[in-house]
C-alpha atoms as a PDB file:
ATOM      1  CA  MET A   1      75.068 142.697-137.819  1.00  0.00           C
ATOM      2  CA  GLU A   2      74.194 139.211-138.975  1.00  0.00           C
ATOM      3  CA  PHE A   3      74.249 136.346-136.513  1.00  0.00           C
ATOM      4  CA  ASN A   4      77.158 134.582-138.245  1.00  0.00           C
ATOM      5  CA  ASP A   5      79.214 137.769-138.125  1.00  0.00           C
ATOM      6  CA  LEU A   6      78.467 138.049-134.408  1.00  0.00           C
ATOM      7  CA  LEU A   7      79.640 134.498-133.782  1.00  0.00           C
ATOM      8  CA  SER A   8      82.867 135.127-135.677  1.00  0.00           C
ATOM      9  CA  ARG A   9      83.686 138.016-133.371  1.00  0.00           C
ATOM     10  CA  LEU A  10      83.220 136.024-130.156  1.00  0.00           C
ATOM     11  CA  PRO A  11      86.444 134.814-128.458  1.00  0.00           C
ATOM     12  CA  LEU A  12      87.134 131.154-128.997  1.00  0.00           C
ATOM     13  CA  THR A  13      87.456 129.053-125.836  1.00  0.00           C
ATOM     14  CA  THR A  14      88.811 125.565-125.661  1.00  0.00           C
ATOM     15  CA  ILE A  15      87.407 123.158-123.106  1.00  0.00           C
ATOM     16  CA  GLN A  16      90.361 121.355-121.592  1.00  0.00           C
ATOM     17  CA  PRO A  17      89.635 117.809-120.420  1.00  0.00           C
ATOM     18  CA  ALA A  18      90.292 117.104-116.758  1.00  0.00           C
ATOM     19  CA  PRO A  19      93.692 115.504-116.068  1.00  0.00           C
ATOM     20  CA  LEU A  20      93.457 111.718-115.892  1.00  0.00           C
ATOM     21  CA  VAL A  21      95.449 109.504-113.525  1.00  0.00           C
ATOM     22  CA  THR A  22      94.999 105.746-113.546  1.00  0.00           C
ATOM     23  CA  VAL A  23      95.423 103.833-110.286  1.00  0.00           C
ATOM     24  CA  VAL A  24      96.848 100.319-109.942  1.00  0.00           C
ATOM     25  CA  ARG A  25      96.331  98.653-106.570  1.00  0.00           C
ATOM     26  CA  LEU A  26      99.224  96.448-105.427  1.00  0.00           C
ATOM     27  CA  THR A  27      97.797  94.909-102.272  1.00  0.00           C
ATOM     28  CA  GLY A  28      98.836  91.662-100.620  1.00  0.00           C
ATOM     29  CA  VAL A  29     101.689  89.200-100.427  1.00  0.00           C
ATOM     30  CA  ILE A  30     103.903  89.037-103.528  1.00  0.00           C
ATOM     31  CA  GLY A  31     104.077  85.700-105.292  1.00  0.00           C
ATOM     32  CA  ARG A  32     101.836  82.683-105.618  1.00  0.00           C
ATOM     33  CA  VAL A  33      99.800  82.156-102.444  1.00  0.00           C
ATOM     34  CA  GLY A  34      97.819  78.929-102.316  1.00  0.00           C
ATOM     35  CA  GLY A  35      96.295  77.008-105.196  1.00  0.00           C
ATOM     36  CA  LEU A  36      94.365  79.956-106.632  1.00  0.00           C
ATOM     37  CA  GLN A  37      97.326  82.340-106.930  1.00  0.00           C
ATOM     38  CA  ARG A  38      95.781  85.072-104.797  1.00  0.00           C
ATOM     39  CA  GLY A  39      99.137  86.820-104.380  1.00  0.00           C
ATOM     40  CA  LEU A  40     100.649  89.555-106.529  1.00  0.00           C
ATOM     41  CA  THR A  41     102.291  88.100-109.640  1.00  0.00           C
ATOM     42  CA  LEU A  42     103.106  89.557-113.031  1.00  0.00           C
ATOM     43  CA  ALA A  43     100.806  86.993-114.644  1.00  0.00           C
ATOM     44  CA  ALA A  44      97.890  88.225-112.536  1.00  0.00           C
ATOM     45  CA  LEU A  45      98.721  91.935-112.909  1.00  0.00           C
ATOM     46  CA  ALA A  46      99.931  92.153-116.519  1.00  0.00           C
ATOM     47  CA  ASP A  47      96.560  93.153-117.987  1.00  0.00           C
ATOM     48  CA  SER A  48      95.944  95.754-115.269  1.00  0.00           C
ATOM     49  CA  ILE A  49      99.380  97.297-115.719  1.00  0.00           C
ATOM     50  CA  GLU A  50      98.927  97.437-119.497  1.00  0.00           C
ATOM     51  CA  ALA A  51      95.483  99.000-119.113  1.00  0.00           C
ATOM     52  CA  ALA A  52      96.836 101.655-116.756  1.00  0.00           C
ATOM     53  CA  PHE A  53      99.130 103.053-119.454  1.00  0.00           C
ATOM     54  CA  LYS A  54      96.636 102.857-122.358  1.00  0.00           C
ATOM     55  CA  PRO A  55      94.415 105.960-122.019  1.00  0.00           C
ATOM     56  CA  LYS A  56      95.162 108.945-124.209  1.00  0.00           C
ATOM     57  CA  ARG A  57      96.103 112.246-122.578  1.00  0.00           C
ATOM     58  CA  LEU A  58      97.176 110.383-119.455  1.00  0.00           C
ATOM     59  CA  SER A  59      98.847 112.589-116.847  1.00  0.00           C
ATOM     60  CA  ALA A  60     100.306 109.861-114.608  1.00  0.00           C
ATOM     61  CA  VAL A  61      99.930 106.339-113.275  1.00  0.00           C
ATOM     62  CA  ALA A  62      99.534 105.957-109.503  1.00  0.00           C
ATOM     63  CA  LEU A  63     100.485 102.834-107.567  1.00  0.00           C
ATOM     64  CA  ALA A  64      98.554 102.202-104.339  1.00  0.00           C
ATOM     65  CA  ILE A  65     100.920  99.885-102.463  1.00  0.00           C
ATOM     66  CA  ASN A  66     100.125  97.824 -99.393  1.00  0.00           C
ATOM     67  CA  SER A  67     102.377  94.753 -99.176  1.00  0.00           C
ATOM     68  CA  PRO A  68     104.596  93.069 -96.583  1.00  0.00           C
ATOM     69  CA  GLY A  69     106.728  91.520 -99.334  1.00  0.00           C
ATOM     70  CA  GLY A  70     107.168  88.046-100.733  1.00  0.00           C
ATOM     71  CA  SER A  71     108.813  86.679-103.861  1.00  0.00           C
ATOM     72  CA  PRO A  72     111.866  88.664-105.040  1.00  0.00           C
ATOM     73  CA  VAL A  73     111.363  87.328-108.562  1.00  0.00           C
ATOM     74  CA  GLN A  74     107.778  88.565-108.833  1.00  0.00           C
ATOM     75  CA  SER A  75     108.755  91.859-107.178  1.00  0.00           C
ATOM     76  CA  SER A  76     111.379  92.355-109.875  1.00  0.00           C
ATOM     77  CA  LEU A  77     109.079  91.306-112.721  1.00  0.00           C
ATOM     78  CA  ILE A  78     106.200  93.560-111.656  1.00  0.00           C
ATOM     79  CA  ALA A  79     108.385  96.598-110.990  1.00  0.00           C
ATOM     80  CA  GLY A  80     110.309  96.003-114.213  1.00  0.00           C
ATOM     81  CA  ARG A  81     107.134  95.907-116.325  1.00  0.00           C
ATOM     82  CA  ILE A  82     105.897  99.138-114.785  1.00  0.00           C
ATOM     83  CA  ARG A  83     109.230 100.853-115.499  1.00  0.00           C
ATOM     84  CA  GLN A  84     109.274  99.535-119.059  1.00  0.00           C
ATOM     85  CA  LEU A  85     105.852 100.979-119.869  1.00  0.00           C
ATOM     86  CA  SER A  86     106.592 104.235-118.059  1.00  0.00           C
ATOM     87  CA  GLU A  87     109.688 104.798-120.181  1.00  0.00           C
ATOM     88  CA  GLU A  88     108.044 103.662-123.424  1.00  0.00           C
ATOM     89  CA  LYS A  89     104.968 105.865-122.957  1.00  0.00           C
ATOM     90  CA  LYS A  90     106.856 108.672-121.177  1.00  0.00           C
ATOM     91  CA  ILE A  91     104.253 108.635-118.400  1.00  0.00           C
ATOM     92  CA  PRO A  92     105.368 109.421-114.827  1.00  0.00           C
ATOM     93  CA  VAL A  93     104.585 106.930-112.063  1.00  0.00           C
ATOM     94  CA  LEU A  94     103.747 108.020-108.523  1.00  0.00           C
ATOM     95  CA  GLY A  95     103.783 105.508-105.664  1.00  0.00           C
ATOM     96  CA  PHE A  96     101.625 105.751-102.546  1.00  0.00           C
ATOM     97  CA  ILE A  97     102.371 103.503 -99.575  1.00  0.00           C
ATOM     98  CA  GLU A  98      99.427 102.661 -97.333  1.00  0.00           C
ATOM     99  CA  ASP A  99      99.947 100.458 -94.237  1.00  0.00           C
ATOM    100  CA  VAL A 100     103.217  98.883 -95.306  1.00  0.00           C
ATOM    101  CA  ALA A 101     105.701  98.616 -98.165  1.00  0.00           C
ATOM    102  CA  ALA A 102     108.312  96.278 -96.756  1.00  0.00           C
ATOM    103  CA  SER A 103     110.846  94.021 -98.447  1.00  0.00           C
ATOM    104  CA  GLY A 104     109.324  93.173-101.842  1.00  0.00           C
ATOM    105  CA  GLY A 105     106.616  95.733-101.135  1.00  0.00           C
ATOM    106  CA  TYR A 106     109.269  98.446-101.102  1.00  0.00           C
ATOM    107  CA  TRP A 107     110.782  96.924-104.258  1.00  0.00           C
ATOM    108  CA  LEU A 108     107.410  97.587-105.926  1.00  0.00           C
ATOM    109  CA  ALA A 109     107.501 101.165-104.648  1.00  0.00           C
ATOM    110  CA  THR A 110     110.851 101.756-106.366  1.00  0.00           C
ATOM    111  CA  ALA A 111     109.027 101.413-109.701  1.00  0.00           C
ATOM    112  CA  ALA A 112     107.630 104.898-109.014  1.00  0.00           C
ATOM    113  CA  ASP A 113     109.411 108.121-109.933  1.00  0.00           C
ATOM    114  CA  GLU A 114     108.196 109.591-106.647  1.00  0.00           C
ATOM    115  CA  ILE A 115     107.120 107.743-103.498  1.00  0.00           C
ATOM    116  CA  TYR A 116     104.730 109.045-100.831  1.00  0.00           C
ATOM    117  CA  ALA A 117     103.598 107.499 -97.558  1.00  0.00           C
ATOM    118  CA  ASN A 118     101.534 108.218 -94.479  1.00  0.00           C
ATOM    119  CA  GLU A 119     103.466 109.267 -91.384  1.00  0.00           C
ATOM    120  CA  ALA A 120     102.465 105.967 -89.746  1.00  0.00           C
ATOM    121  CA  SER A 121     103.249 103.749 -92.756  1.00  0.00           C
ATOM    122  CA  ILE A 122     105.868 101.024 -92.306  1.00  0.00           C
ATOM    123  CA  VAL A 123     108.614 101.302 -94.927  1.00  0.00           C
ATOM    124  CA  GLY A 124     111.835  99.412 -95.643  1.00  0.00           C
ATOM    125  CA  SER A 125     112.958  95.902 -94.666  1.00  0.00           C
ATOM    126  CA  ILE A 126     115.541  95.921 -97.455  1.00  0.00           C
ATOM    127  CA  GLY A 127     116.886  92.448 -96.837  1.00  0.00           C
ATOM    128  CA  VAL A 128     116.303  88.767 -97.566  1.00  0.00           C
ATOM    129  CA  ILE A 129     114.753  86.208 -95.245  1.00  0.00           C
ATOM    130  CA  SER A 130     114.237  82.454 -95.330  1.00  0.00           C
ATOM    131  CA  ALA A 131     112.308  80.739 -92.555  1.00  0.00           C
ATOM    132  CA  GLY A 132     111.223  77.187 -91.854  1.00  0.00           C
ATOM    133  CA  PHE A 133     110.964  74.423 -89.255  1.00  0.00           C
ATOM    134  CA  GLY A 134     113.010  71.373 -88.304  1.00  0.00           C
ATOM    135  CA  PHE A 135     111.162  68.137 -87.526  1.00  0.00           C
ATOM    136  CA  ASN A 136     114.024  65.649 -87.147  1.00  0.00           C
ATOM    137  CA  GLN A 137     113.683  65.372 -83.341  1.00  0.00           C
ATOM    138  CA  LEU A 138     109.936  64.843 -83.680  1.00  0.00           C
ATOM    139  CA  LEU A 139     110.514  61.923 -86.039  1.00  0.00           C
ATOM    140  CA  ASP A 140     112.954  60.376 -83.575  1.00  0.00           C
ATOM    141  CA  ARG A 141     110.430  60.631 -80.738  1.00  0.00           C
ATOM    142  CA  ILE A 142     107.609  58.966 -82.635  1.00  0.00           C
ATOM    143  CA  GLY A 143     109.849  56.332 -84.210  1.00  0.00           C
ATOM    144  CA  VAL A 144     109.584  57.356 -87.853  1.00  0.00           C
ATOM    145  CA  GLU A 145     112.526  56.778 -90.156  1.00  0.00           C
ATOM    146  CA  ARG A 146     113.131  59.341 -92.919  1.00  0.00           C
ATOM    147  CA  ARG A 147     114.191  57.754 -96.252  1.00  0.00           C
ATOM    148  CA  VAL A 148     115.489  60.054 -98.989  1.00  0.00           C
ATOM    149  CA  HIS A 149     117.456  59.008-102.076  1.00  0.00           C
ATOM    150  CA  THR A 150     118.902  61.656-104.381  1.00  0.00           C
ATOM    151  CA  GLN A 151     121.200  62.141-107.321  1.00  0.00           C
ATOM    152  CA  GLY A 152     123.114  65.338-106.623  1.00  0.00           C
ATOM    153  CA  ALA A 153     124.829  66.207-103.375  1.00  0.00           C
ATOM    154  CA  HIS A 154     122.685  69.273-102.723  1.00  0.00           C
ATOM    155  CA  LYS A 155     119.320  67.955-103.908  1.00  0.00           C
ATOM    156  CA  ALA A 156     118.036  67.514-100.332  1.00  0.00           C
ATOM    157  CA  MET A 157     119.524  70.761 -99.044  1.00  0.00           C
ATOM    158  CA  LEU A 158     117.767  72.045 -95.890  1.00  0.00           C
ATOM    159  CA  ASP A 159     115.457  69.053 -95.662  1.00  0.00           C
ATOM    160  CA  PRO A 160     113.308  69.924 -92.603  1.00  0.00           C
ATOM    161  CA  PHE A 161     113.181  66.254 -91.560  1.00  0.00           C
ATOM    162  CA  ARG A 162     116.911  65.872 -90.990  1.00  0.00           C
ATOM    163  CA  PRO A 163     119.390  67.804 -88.810  1.00  0.00           C
ATOM    164  CA  GLU A 164     120.538  71.111 -90.272  1.00  0.00           C
ATOM    165  CA  GLN A 165     123.893  70.832 -92.050  1.00  0.00           C
ATOM    166  CA  PRO A 166     126.467  73.684 -91.853  1.00  0.00           C
ATOM    167  CA  ALA A 167     127.239  73.314 -95.566  1.00  0.00           C
ATOM    168  CA  ASP A 168     123.542  73.715 -96.427  1.00  0.00           C
ATOM    169  CA  VAL A 169     123.281  76.853 -94.312  1.00  0.00           C
ATOM    170  CA  ALA A 170     126.405  78.301 -95.949  1.00  0.00           C
ATOM    171  CA  ARG A 171     124.928  77.675 -99.394  1.00  0.00           C
ATOM    172  CA  LEU A 172     121.629  79.301 -98.401  1.00  0.00           C
ATOM    173  CA  LEU A 173     123.427  82.364 -97.049  1.00  0.00           C
ATOM    174  CA  ALA A 174     125.374  82.662-100.311  1.00  0.00           C
ATOM    175  CA  LEU A 175     122.125  82.614-102.290  1.00  0.00           C
ATOM    176  CA  GLN A 176     120.593  85.191 -99.964  1.00  0.00           C
ATOM    177  CA  ALA A 177     123.631  87.441-100.399  1.00  0.00           C
ATOM    178  CA  GLU A 178     123.163  87.395-104.173  1.00  0.00           C
ATOM    179  CA  LEU A 179     119.483  88.289-103.844  1.00  0.00           C
ATOM    180  CA  HIS A 180     120.292  91.006-101.309  1.00  0.00           C
ATOM    181  CA  ASP A 181     122.891  92.548-103.620  1.00  0.00           C
ATOM    182  CA  GLY A 182     120.319  92.680-106.403  1.00  0.00           C
ATOM    183  CA  PHE A 183     117.755  94.331-104.120  1.00  0.00           C
ATOM    184  CA  LYS A 184     120.274  96.932-102.964  1.00  0.00           C
ATOM    185  CA  ALA A 185     121.274  97.669-106.550  1.00  0.00           C
ATOM    186  CA  VAL A 186     117.641  98.379-107.478  1.00  0.00           C
ATOM    187  CA  VAL A 187     117.183 100.759-104.540  1.00  0.00           C
ATOM    188  CA  ARG A 188     120.436 102.594-105.269  1.00  0.00           C
ATOM    189  CA  HIS A 189     119.547 102.914-108.966  1.00  0.00           C
ATOM    190  CA  ARG A 190     116.020 104.173-108.394  1.00  0.00           C
ATOM    191  CA  ARG A 191     116.631 106.420-105.380  1.00  0.00           C
ATOM    192  CA  GLY A 192     120.134 107.611-106.276  1.00  0.00           C
ATOM    193  CA  ASP A 193     121.359 110.733-104.501  1.00  0.00           C
ATOM    194  CA  LYS A 194     118.105 110.937-102.518  1.00  0.00           C
ATOM    195  CA  LEU A 195     119.366 108.232-100.146  1.00  0.00           C
ATOM    196  CA  LYS A 196     120.771 109.494 -96.863  1.00  0.00           C
ATOM    197  CA  GLY A 197     122.670 107.003 -94.779  1.00  0.00           C
ATOM    198  CA  ASP A 198     125.234 104.261 -95.265  1.00  0.00           C
ATOM    199  CA  ASP A 199     124.596 100.653 -96.269  1.00  0.00           C
ATOM    200  CA  GLN A 200     124.732  99.479 -92.661  1.00  0.00           C
ATOM    201  CA  LEU A 201     121.780 101.702 -91.863  1.00  0.00           C
ATOM    202  CA  LEU A 202     119.699 101.334 -95.014  1.00  0.00           C
ATOM    203  CA  PHE A 203     120.199  97.741 -96.089  1.00  0.00           C
ATOM    204  CA  GLU A 204     120.161  95.619 -92.935  1.00  0.00           C
ATOM    205  CA  GLY A 205     116.458  94.818 -92.988  1.00  0.00           C
ATOM    206  CA  ASP A 206     115.295  97.575 -90.626  1.00  0.00           C
ATOM    207  CA  VAL A 207     111.946  99.322 -91.034  1.00  0.00           C
ATOM    208  CA  TRP A 208     110.870 102.898 -90.397  1.00  0.00           C
ATOM    209  CA  THR A 209     107.713 104.947 -90.204  1.00  0.00           C
ATOM    210  CA  GLY A 210     106.888 107.209 -93.104  1.00  0.00           C
ATOM    211  CA  ARG A 211     108.576 110.130 -91.368  1.00  0.00           C
ATOM    212  CA  GLY A 212     111.755 108.142 -90.749  1.00  0.00           C
ATOM    213  CA  ALA A 213     111.755 106.881 -94.337  1.00  0.00           C
ATOM    214  CA  LEU A 214     111.479 110.464 -95.560  1.00  0.00           C
ATOM    215  CA  ASP A 215     114.484 111.504 -93.481  1.00  0.00           C
ATOM    216  CA  LEU A 216     116.505 108.664 -95.062  1.00  0.00           C
ATOM    217  CA  GLY A 217     115.413 109.452 -98.621  1.00  0.00           C
ATOM    218  CA  LEU A 218     113.505 106.204 -99.077  1.00  0.00           C
ATOM    219  CA  ILE A 219     110.391 108.230 -99.935  1.00  0.00           C
ATOM    220  CA  ASP A 220     109.822 111.719-101.352  1.00  0.00           C
ATOM    221  CA  GLY A 221     107.032 113.048 -99.181  1.00  0.00           C
ATOM    222  CA  ILE A 222     104.251 112.541 -96.688  1.00  0.00           C
ATOM    223  CA  GLY A 223     100.798 112.406 -98.219  1.00  0.00           C
ATOM    224  CA  ASP A 224      97.908 110.291 -99.488  1.00  0.00           C
ATOM    225  CA  LEU A 225      97.033 109.429-103.061  1.00  0.00           C
ATOM    226  CA  ARG A 226      94.053 111.720-103.540  1.00  0.00           C
ATOM    227  CA  GLY A 227      95.570 114.673-101.720  1.00  0.00           C
ATOM    228  CA  VAL A 228      98.892 114.579-103.562  1.00  0.00           C
ATOM    229  CA  LEU A 229      97.268 114.107-106.969  1.00  0.00           C
ATOM    230  CA  ARG A 230      94.862 116.992-106.419  1.00  0.00           C
ATOM    231  CA  ARG A 231      97.736 119.267-105.445  1.00  0.00           C
ATOM    232  CA  ARG A 232      99.725 118.105-108.466  1.00  0.00           C
ATOM    233  CA  PHE A 233      97.034 118.088-111.146  1.00  0.00           C
ATOM    234  CA  GLY A 234      94.235 120.235-109.704  1.00  0.00           C
ATOM    235  CA  ASP A 235      90.946 119.593-107.958  1.00  0.00           C
ATOM    236  CA  LYS A 236      89.313 118.285-111.140  1.00  0.00           C
ATOM    237  CA  VAL A 237      91.778 115.432-111.634  1.00  0.00           C
ATOM    238  CA  LYS A 238      90.014 112.191-112.565  1.00  0.00           C
ATOM    239  CA  LEU A 239      91.165 108.982-110.874  1.00  0.00           C
ATOM    240  CA  ARG A 240      90.443 105.750-112.707  1.00  0.00           C
ATOM    241  CA  VAL A 241      91.149 102.508-110.832  1.00  0.00           C
ATOM    242  CA  VAL A 242      92.150  99.632-113.105  1.00  0.00           C
ATOM    243  CA  GLY A 243      92.268  95.983-112.122  1.00  0.00           C
ATOM    244  CA  GLU A 244      90.904  92.537-112.664  1.00  0.00           C
ATOM    245  CA  ARG A 245      87.587  91.594-111.138  1.00  0.00           C
ATOM    246  CA  ARG A 246      87.313  88.347-109.244  1.00  0.00           C
ATOM    247  CA  SER A 247      84.964  85.777-110.710  1.00  0.00           C
ATOM    248  CA  TRP A 248      81.570  85.502-109.071  1.00  0.00           C
ATOM    249  CA  TRP A 249      82.295  82.147-107.414  1.00  0.00           C
ATOM    250  CA  ARG A 250      85.458  83.496-105.745  1.00  0.00           C
ATOM    251  CA  ARG A 251      83.537  86.501-104.458  1.00  0.00           C
ATOM    252  CA  ARG A 252      80.856  84.216-102.987  1.00  0.00           C
ATOM    253  CA  LEU A 253      83.150  81.565-101.536  1.00  0.00           C
ATOM    254  CA  GLY A 254      86.025  83.754-100.441  1.00  0.00           C
ATOM    255  CA  LEU A 255      88.516  80.859-100.355  1.00  0.00           C
ATOM    256  CA  GLY A 256      88.954  78.038-102.813  1.00  0.00           C
ATOM    257  CA  ALA A 257      86.474  75.374-103.693  1.00  0.00           C
ATOM    258  CA  GLY A 258      86.690  71.597-103.610  1.00  0.00           C
ATOM    259  CA  GLY A 259      90.139  70.209-102.872  1.00  0.00           C
ATOM    260  CA  GLN A 260      91.721  73.671-102.745  1.00  0.00           C
ATOM    261  CA  TRP A 261      90.463  74.577 -99.281  1.00  0.00           C
ATOM    262  CA  ALA A 262      93.408  73.054 -97.396  1.00  0.00           C
ATOM    263  CA  ALA A 263      96.000  74.818 -99.563  1.00  0.00           C
ATOM    264  CA  GLU A 264      94.074  78.048 -99.188  1.00  0.00           C
ATOM    265  CA  ALA A 265      93.936  77.649 -95.413  1.00  0.00           C
ATOM    266  CA  MET A 266      97.703  77.155 -95.209  1.00  0.00           C
ATOM    267  CA  ALA A 267      98.245  80.066 -97.567  1.00  0.00           C
ATOM    268  CA  ALA A 268      96.120  82.245 -95.301  1.00  0.00           C
ATOM    269  CA  VAL A 269      98.318  81.305 -92.330  1.00  0.00           C
ATOM    270  CA  GLU A 270     101.481  82.180 -94.258  1.00  0.00           C
ATOM    271  CA  ASP A 271      99.912  85.391 -95.502  1.00  0.00           C
ATOM    272  CA  ARG A 272      98.906  86.363 -91.966  1.00  0.00           C
ATOM    273  CA  ALA A 273     102.409  85.648 -90.648  1.00  0.00           C
ATOM    274  CA  LEU A 274     103.967  88.036 -93.159  1.00  0.00           C
ATOM    275  CA  TRP A 275     101.609  90.854 -92.197  1.00  0.00           C
ATOM    276  CA  ALA A 276     102.067  90.114 -88.480  1.00  0.00           C
ATOM    277  CA  ARG A 277     105.806  90.801 -88.753  1.00  0.00           C
ATOM    278  CA  PHE A 278     104.891  94.471 -89.038  1.00  0.00           C
ATOM    279  CA  GLY A 279     102.186  94.512 -86.383  1.00  0.00           C
ATOM    280  CA  LEU A 280      99.350  94.455 -88.911  1.00  0.00           C
END
């Protein structure tokens, strides 16, 4: 038998490529933080999100989420872009909560078709918060007169250097109610019949551990990114992290340079306060 005849009789085997899952890390406060925009924004993440959905023969996109929240606008924009690409490319998205996905952080998690967390993760805080300080009594004590001239009755609303006005507070609460309604609508739409509990329980800003969130239907399971993906796609699944690299000078300096250091220092304080709300 000739060699070519022998080859033709051998069974044909096809080498299947290992399943590929791209990973997008969503870590930090949402929104612009300081002069260098270190926070999570759509502008900063757009290229990474696009790159995550580009590979051929892609099995899924994984979101590694670790955020105490922040801007509702940026939360909506980031989650919306992820959903748009998922539906266009018909690629499932799996979300994995690390330390915390609270407030806007949980909004990001709702971009996933399935959400997983550690038993000790902090999940929830589906509400809206506005915090600040009042300095009017301090100005009185040190003899400083505040001078503000506006066109528009509400232009100086909630000025921290004057006494709080009931009408200003009422207007703020009305704005918060609108934002809260939008947040609740997103959660209801994305989680649907999985939710267990009434609005008073789910949407009053409370937080739960991963186990408690599972019981309420806010997440789909307990597990970590690598473990869940290996169970889903096999031990040979390839994980490819996508993301922008920081420029060399930011890596060396850590904070900003030149006149940005003060803004960066204040941003770090605000950032730390958000994480501290959840004991982190």
